[in-house]
Protein backbone atom coordinates (compact mmCIF):
# COMPACT_ATOMS: atom_id res chain seq x y z
CA MET A 1 12.08 10.51 21.91
CA SER A 2 11.25 13.10 24.79
CA ALA A 3 14.61 14.15 26.69
CA VAL A 4 14.67 13.05 30.34
CA LEU A 5 15.58 16.15 32.18
CA ALA A 6 17.50 15.04 35.99
CA ALA A 7 17.01 16.05 39.09
CA PRO A 8 18.41 19.02 40.06
CA SER A 9 21.20 17.96 42.80
CA PRO A 10 20.98 19.18 45.89
CA GLY A 11 23.16 22.91 47.35
CA LEU A 12 25.53 21.87 49.92
CA TRP A 13 23.37 23.32 53.14
CA ALA A 14 20.03 21.85 51.91
CA GLU A 15 22.32 18.04 51.84
CA ALA A 16 23.97 19.53 55.33
CA ALA A 17 20.76 20.28 56.54
CA ARG A 18 19.16 16.86 55.56
CA ARG A 19 22.14 14.96 57.56
CA LEU A 20 22.05 16.91 60.51
CA ARG A 21 18.42 16.38 61.01
CA ALA A 22 19.03 12.48 60.34
CA ASP A 23 21.19 12.73 63.53
CA ARG A 24 19.38 12.31 66.56
CA VAL A 25 22.28 13.60 68.94
CA GLY A 26 23.09 16.71 66.70
CA MET A 27 18.95 17.25 67.02
CA ALA A 28 18.69 17.05 70.68
CA CYS A 29 22.11 19.25 71.38
CA LEU A 30 20.64 21.42 69.04
CA ALA A 31 17.29 21.52 70.75
CA VAL A 32 19.97 22.02 74.18
CA VAL A 33 21.56 25.08 72.71
CA VAL A 34 18.62 26.85 70.97
CA ALA A 35 16.95 26.83 74.62
CA PHE A 36 20.05 28.36 76.35
CA LEU A 37 19.84 31.06 73.82
CA LEU A 38 15.83 31.76 74.62
CA LEU A 39 16.96 32.20 78.12
CA ILE A 40 19.90 34.96 77.01
CA ALA A 41 17.44 36.71 75.05
CA GLY A 42 14.80 36.82 77.81
CA SER A 43 17.53 37.47 79.98
CA ALA A 44 18.87 40.42 77.90
CA SER A 45 15.53 41.61 77.24
CA GLY A 46 14.60 42.09 80.89
CA LEU A 47 11.84 39.43 80.82
CA LEU A 48 13.78 36.95 82.72
CA ALA A 49 16.06 37.43 85.74
CA ALA A 50 15.14 41.26 85.52
CA GLY A 51 15.79 41.41 89.32
CA TRP A 52 18.78 39.90 90.08
CA GLN A 53 20.09 42.15 92.17
CA ARG A 54 17.15 42.05 94.76
CA GLU A 55 17.41 40.39 97.59
CA VAL A 56 14.40 38.57 98.12
CA ALA A 57 15.38 35.62 100.70
CA VAL A 58 17.36 35.60 103.92
CA PRO A 59 20.95 34.95 103.22
CA SER A 60 21.92 31.65 102.28
CA ALA A 61 18.66 30.17 102.48
CA PRO A 62 18.78 26.56 101.12
CA PRO A 63 16.66 25.15 97.80
CA SER A 64 13.11 24.63 98.64
CA LEU A 65 9.85 23.85 96.75
CA LEU A 66 7.47 23.72 99.07
CA GLY A 67 7.15 27.63 100.40
CA PRO A 68 8.50 29.79 103.58
CA ARG A 69 7.28 27.87 106.39
CA PRO A 70 5.79 30.20 109.56
CA ALA A 71 7.89 30.69 112.38
CA GLN A 72 6.92 29.48 115.82
CA ALA A 73 6.30 32.23 117.87
CA PRO A 74 8.04 31.79 120.72
CA GLY A 75 5.95 31.43 123.72
CA SER A 76 4.65 34.85 125.31
CA LEU A 77 5.22 35.63 129.28
CA ALA A 78 1.97 37.69 129.10
CA ARG A 79 0.39 34.38 128.01
CA ARG A 80 1.21 32.27 131.01
CA GLU A 81 -1.36 30.51 133.06
CA GLY A 82 -1.34 28.96 136.84
CA PRO A 83 0.12 30.25 139.29
CA LEU A 84 2.56 32.65 137.75
CA ALA A 85 -0.28 34.20 135.29
CA ASP A 86 -0.08 37.45 137.22
CA LEU A 87 4.05 38.24 137.15
CA SER A 88 3.20 42.04 138.19
CA ALA A 89 3.54 41.53 141.56
CA VAL A 90 7.20 39.77 141.23
CA ASP A 91 8.45 41.24 138.01
CA PRO A 92 8.49 44.89 137.19
CA LEU A 93 8.69 44.52 133.56
CA ALA A 94 5.57 42.05 133.28
CA PRO A 95 3.98 45.30 131.76
CA ARG A 96 6.62 45.73 129.03
CA TYR A 97 5.68 42.06 127.90
CA ALA A 98 2.63 42.67 125.20
CA GLU A 99 5.08 45.67 123.78
CA TRP A 100 7.83 43.64 123.16
CA ASN A 101 5.79 40.57 121.91
CA ALA A 102 4.29 42.58 119.36
CA ARG A 103 7.33 44.11 118.22
CA ALA A 104 8.71 40.88 117.40
CA ALA A 105 5.57 39.23 115.82
CA GLN A 106 6.00 42.50 113.79
CA PHE A 107 9.76 41.68 112.65
CA GLN A 108 8.80 38.33 111.82
CA GLN A 109 6.32 39.10 109.84
CA VAL A 110 8.90 40.92 107.78
CA GLU A 111 11.27 38.59 107.89
CA LEU A 112 8.52 36.16 106.43
CA HIS A 113 7.49 38.39 103.70
CA LYS A 114 11.27 38.42 102.53
CA LEU A 115 10.82 34.66 102.25
CA GLN A 116 9.75 33.29 98.71
CA THR A 117 10.27 29.90 97.20
CA LEU A 118 13.58 29.77 95.28
CA PRO A 119 13.85 26.46 94.07
CA LEU A 120 17.61 27.19 93.94
CA GLY A 121 18.35 28.80 96.99
CA ALA A 122 19.78 32.25 97.95
CA ASP A 123 23.13 33.30 98.26
CA ARG A 124 25.18 35.17 100.75
CA LEU A 125 23.40 38.42 100.06
CA GLY A 126 19.52 36.48 99.59
CA ARG A 127 19.36 37.35 95.68
CA ASP A 128 17.87 33.92 94.17
CA VAL A 129 20.91 31.89 92.39
CA LEU A 130 18.47 31.24 89.81
CA ALA A 131 17.86 34.55 88.71
CA LYS A 132 21.67 35.34 89.11
CA ALA A 133 22.56 31.79 87.25
CA LEU A 134 20.42 32.74 84.18
CA LYS A 135 21.86 35.78 83.97
CA GLY A 136 25.34 35.06 84.76
CA THR A 137 24.79 32.50 81.49
CA GLU A 138 23.83 36.15 79.48
CA VAL A 139 26.96 37.01 80.13
CA SER A 140 29.30 34.07 79.74
CA VAL A 141 27.92 32.35 77.16
CA PHE A 142 28.05 35.86 75.14
CA VAL A 143 31.11 36.47 76.09
CA GLY A 144 32.21 33.19 74.83
CA LEU A 145 30.02 33.08 71.40
CA MET A 146 31.19 36.20 70.48
CA ALA A 147 35.18 36.35 71.24
CA ALA A 148 34.96 32.85 69.03
CA LEU A 149 33.22 34.76 66.16
CA VAL A 150 35.67 37.70 66.48
CA ALA A 151 39.01 35.07 66.91
CA THR A 152 37.22 32.61 64.45
CA ALA A 153 36.41 35.11 61.85
CA LEU A 154 40.24 37.24 62.05
CA GLY A 155 41.55 33.68 61.86
CA THR A 156 39.79 32.41 58.57
CA LEU A 157 40.43 35.79 57.01
CA LEU A 158 44.29 35.93 57.80
CA GLY A 159 44.67 32.17 56.91
CA ALA A 160 43.03 32.49 53.39
CA LEU A 161 44.99 35.63 52.96
CA ALA A 162 48.07 34.09 53.61
CA GLY A 163 47.34 30.87 52.06
CA PHE A 164 45.85 31.88 48.85
CA PHE A 165 48.27 34.86 48.07
CA GLY A 166 51.41 33.51 49.72
CA GLY A 167 54.50 35.82 49.17
CA ARG A 168 54.95 38.80 50.39
CA VAL A 169 51.17 39.26 51.85
CA GLY A 170 52.16 35.63 53.57
CA ASP A 171 55.56 36.67 54.82
CA ALA A 172 54.03 39.79 56.62
CA LEU A 173 51.23 37.66 57.94
CA GLU A 174 53.08 35.02 59.33
CA TRP A 175 55.60 38.05 61.28
CA LEU A 176 52.49 38.77 62.67
CA TYR A 177 51.48 35.07 64.04
CA ASN A 178 54.81 34.54 65.14
CA VAL A 179 54.32 37.95 67.55
CA PHE A 180 51.78 36.77 68.86
CA THR A 181 52.79 33.37 69.68
CA SER A 182 56.12 34.18 71.11
CA VAL A 183 54.32 35.67 74.02
CA PRO A 184 52.36 33.20 76.08
CA GLY A 185 48.66 33.30 75.81
CA ILE A 186 47.50 33.77 79.98
CA LEU A 187 50.28 36.96 79.83
CA LEU A 188 49.04 38.11 76.70
CA ILE A 189 45.26 38.04 77.93
CA PHE A 190 46.16 40.01 80.85
CA ALA A 191 48.65 42.68 79.43
CA PHE A 192 45.45 43.20 77.30
CA ALA A 193 42.95 43.29 80.51
CA ALA A 194 45.52 45.22 82.54
CA VAL A 195 45.36 48.20 79.63
CA PHE A 196 41.61 48.12 78.24
CA GLY A 197 40.21 47.44 81.89
CA ARG A 198 37.05 45.68 82.66
CA GLY A 199 33.50 44.62 80.98
CA ILE A 200 31.88 42.59 78.50
CA GLY A 201 33.24 43.92 75.23
CA THR A 202 36.53 44.82 76.77
CA VAL A 203 36.64 40.88 77.11
CA VAL A 204 35.17 39.51 73.88
CA LEU A 205 37.90 42.06 72.56
CA ILE A 206 40.42 40.46 74.37
CA LEU A 207 39.93 36.98 74.12
CA GLY A 208 38.83 37.95 70.19
CA LEU A 209 42.41 39.73 69.33
CA THR A 210 44.36 36.90 71.40
CA GLY A 211 42.85 33.77 70.38
CA TRP A 212 43.17 34.12 66.37
CA THR A 213 46.32 32.28 66.04
CA GLY A 214 45.18 28.77 66.30
CA VAL A 215 42.32 29.25 63.05
CA TYR A 216 44.94 31.23 60.85
CA ARG A 217 47.42 28.33 61.17
CA LEU A 218 44.80 25.92 60.23
CA MET A 219 42.81 27.69 57.54
CA ARG A 220 46.41 28.83 55.85
CA ALA A 221 47.81 25.23 55.41
CA GLU A 222 43.66 24.23 54.15
CA PHE A 223 43.65 27.36 51.47
CA MET A 224 47.32 26.55 50.54
CA LYS A 225 45.80 22.62 49.92
CA HIS A 226 42.71 23.90 48.60
CA ALA A 227 44.26 26.64 46.31
CA VAL A 228 46.08 24.41 44.04
CA ARG A 229 43.25 22.12 43.15
CA ASP A 230 41.71 21.40 39.85
CA TYR A 231 38.10 23.31 40.90
CA VAL A 232 40.09 26.08 42.26
CA HIS A 233 41.58 26.31 38.57
CA ALA A 234 38.32 25.54 36.77
CA ALA A 235 36.68 28.46 38.40
CA GLN A 236 39.82 30.46 37.46
CA ALA A 237 39.39 29.60 34.00
CA LEU A 238 35.76 30.57 34.23
CA GLY A 239 36.64 34.43 35.14
CA ALA A 240 35.82 33.67 39.18
CA SER A 241 38.03 36.56 40.95
CA ALA A 242 40.27 35.75 44.04
CA ALA A 243 37.35 36.76 46.75
CA ARG A 244 34.84 34.15 44.81
CA ARG A 245 37.56 31.47 44.22
CA MET A 246 38.87 32.03 47.83
CA PHE A 247 35.00 32.64 49.90
CA ARG A 248 32.63 30.82 47.58
CA HIS A 249 34.52 27.99 46.54
CA ILE A 250 37.52 26.87 49.20
CA LEU A 251 35.15 28.05 52.46
CA PRO A 252 32.74 25.71 52.04
CA ASN A 253 34.81 23.05 51.55
CA VAL A 254 36.73 23.82 54.49
CA SER A 255 34.03 24.82 57.10
CA HIS A 256 33.81 22.01 58.86
CA VAL A 257 37.32 22.87 60.20
CA VAL A 258 36.23 26.37 61.07
CA LEU A 259 33.28 25.08 62.98
CA VAL A 260 35.26 23.06 65.02
CA GLN A 261 38.11 25.54 66.08
CA LEU A 262 34.98 27.80 66.65
CA SER A 263 33.20 25.12 69.21
CA ILE A 264 37.06 24.78 70.78
CA LEU A 265 37.06 28.44 71.22
CA THR A 266 33.98 29.41 72.58
CA VAL A 267 34.65 26.86 75.57
CA GLY A 268 38.13 27.92 76.15
CA PHE A 269 36.77 31.57 76.12
CA ILE A 270 34.08 30.73 78.51
CA LYS A 271 37.12 29.35 81.00
CA ALA A 272 38.83 32.11 79.78
CA GLU A 273 36.62 35.06 81.05
CA VAL A 274 36.03 32.33 84.27
CA ILE A 275 39.40 32.87 85.35
CA LEU A 276 39.80 36.79 84.19
CA SER A 277 36.45 37.27 86.45
CA TYR A 278 37.58 35.02 89.64
CA LEU A 279 40.80 37.20 89.64
CA GLY A 280 38.92 40.43 88.96
CA LEU A 281 40.11 41.52 85.59
CA GLY A 282 36.69 40.22 83.81
CA VAL A 283 33.11 41.76 83.79
CA ALA A 284 32.67 45.07 85.74
CA VAL A 285 31.51 44.63 89.45
CA ASP A 286 27.92 45.61 89.00
CA GLN A 287 27.69 42.84 86.51
CA VAL A 288 27.57 38.85 87.09
CA SER A 289 28.66 35.70 85.33
CA TRP A 290 29.71 32.27 86.02
CA GLY A 291 33.07 33.42 86.87
CA THR A 292 31.60 35.59 90.02
CA MET A 293 29.90 33.04 90.77
CA LEU A 294 32.43 30.41 91.35
CA ALA A 295 33.88 32.90 93.32
CA GLU A 296 31.39 33.59 95.61
CA ALA A 297 30.27 29.89 95.86
CA GLN A 298 34.19 29.25 97.03
CA SER A 299 33.74 30.64 100.56
CA GLU A 300 29.93 29.80 100.40
CA LEU A 301 31.05 26.32 99.94
CA LEU A 302 33.12 26.19 103.41
CA LEU A 303 29.95 26.83 105.19
CA GLY A 304 28.24 23.96 103.42
CA HIS A 305 25.85 26.25 101.18
CA TRP A 306 26.67 24.34 97.88
CA TRP A 307 24.03 25.37 95.71
CA GLN A 308 25.16 27.90 94.15
CA LEU A 309 27.97 25.95 92.79
CA ALA A 310 25.80 22.90 92.09
CA THR A 311 23.85 25.10 90.01
CA VAL A 312 26.57 26.90 88.18
CA ALA A 313 28.44 23.51 87.14
CA LEU A 314 25.33 22.59 86.06
CA LEU A 315 24.67 25.13 83.28
CA MET A 316 28.33 25.25 82.22
CA ALA A 317 28.31 21.46 81.92
CA LEU A 318 24.99 21.13 79.85
CA PHE A 319 25.56 23.92 77.55
CA VAL A 320 29.60 23.25 76.86
CA THR A 321 28.18 19.38 76.21
CA ALA A 322 25.70 20.07 73.76
CA PHE A 323 27.71 22.89 71.85
CA ALA A 324 30.71 20.38 71.62
CA LEU A 325 28.69 17.58 70.38
CA LEU A 326 26.05 20.09 67.83
CA THR A 327 29.70 21.41 66.24
CA ASP A 328 30.66 17.75 65.88
CA ALA A 329 27.44 17.13 63.99
CA LEU A 330 27.79 20.03 62.09
CA ARG A 331 30.96 18.95 61.08
CA ASP A 332 29.75 15.37 59.69
CA ALA A 333 27.17 17.39 58.24
CA LEU A 334 29.26 19.68 56.18
CA ASP A 335 32.35 17.38 55.88
CA PRO A 336 33.08 16.69 52.01
CA LYS A 337 34.26 13.23 52.08
CA LEU A 338 30.99 12.45 53.83
CA ARG A 339 28.80 14.13 51.32
CA GLY A 340 26.95 12.07 49.13
CA LEU A 341 27.05 9.26 51.61
CA ASP A 342 23.27 7.84 53.21
CA ALA A 343 23.85 6.31 56.63
């Protein structure tokens, strides 16, 4: 009798990918996030929004899809007909009308040349709002994601060490955690910003170094809980090192917690960047982000120029919602409680 070989069971990540593909909402949100990342890559490489600082339209030009409309030239006194056609006898300035009309026509041609088809309008300086929004998306999303990755990685590492080893290592890390949590977060951010100055890298560093405490608290509890479970003891009996037990066995089982925290921190750090840039402590003066655009749109809205505010609000809502829902889908796909259950 021939032996019956069982089919190998799919791995953790293969099973998670299968579950994610079955989630329509998760796949739609993944497409939105990927589209944003492609726009960010195009903006960073210079293929998109390379000339966002150029004044390409008249100030505060409204959104238009029909292109510039030629302005009607004002009536020329030199072309009057009838009894007033020849004004040289009664008006000493009549010979200068033709010259003035020629200069006015030249000025109108220059203004028409500056007018372009701007689907999202122009700001108060005549810069394309769409180009500014793409560049601002690059800066804000980069700051939010990178700062969240730094904070999540730092919190996960320190939480794993404190929860797995405990003892003096845990006590030292608990002291560090208490120091950071004893100071209000917004004051700590402002203090770091005042010391390190402005810039994208500075904002990422500030938010990453001040936002790891929540991840640390959760990961410390998760590693304390999983460190005493049977599968970890079995790995130890087989000779697995402490690092392998922490990051090869325990971490995949708590990855859904890490992803949830990553999503929350990304959204929170984008908001923090908006606040810092609004107060003048965020990105540099020659850069643009969602925060600087919202600061500009505040004064523009009082004049009825709503398109810059609407563009930034729409982009922020779309990216934040898609990213949060995608993270929820990834959490469900990686949740060990749902593993092996078919929808």
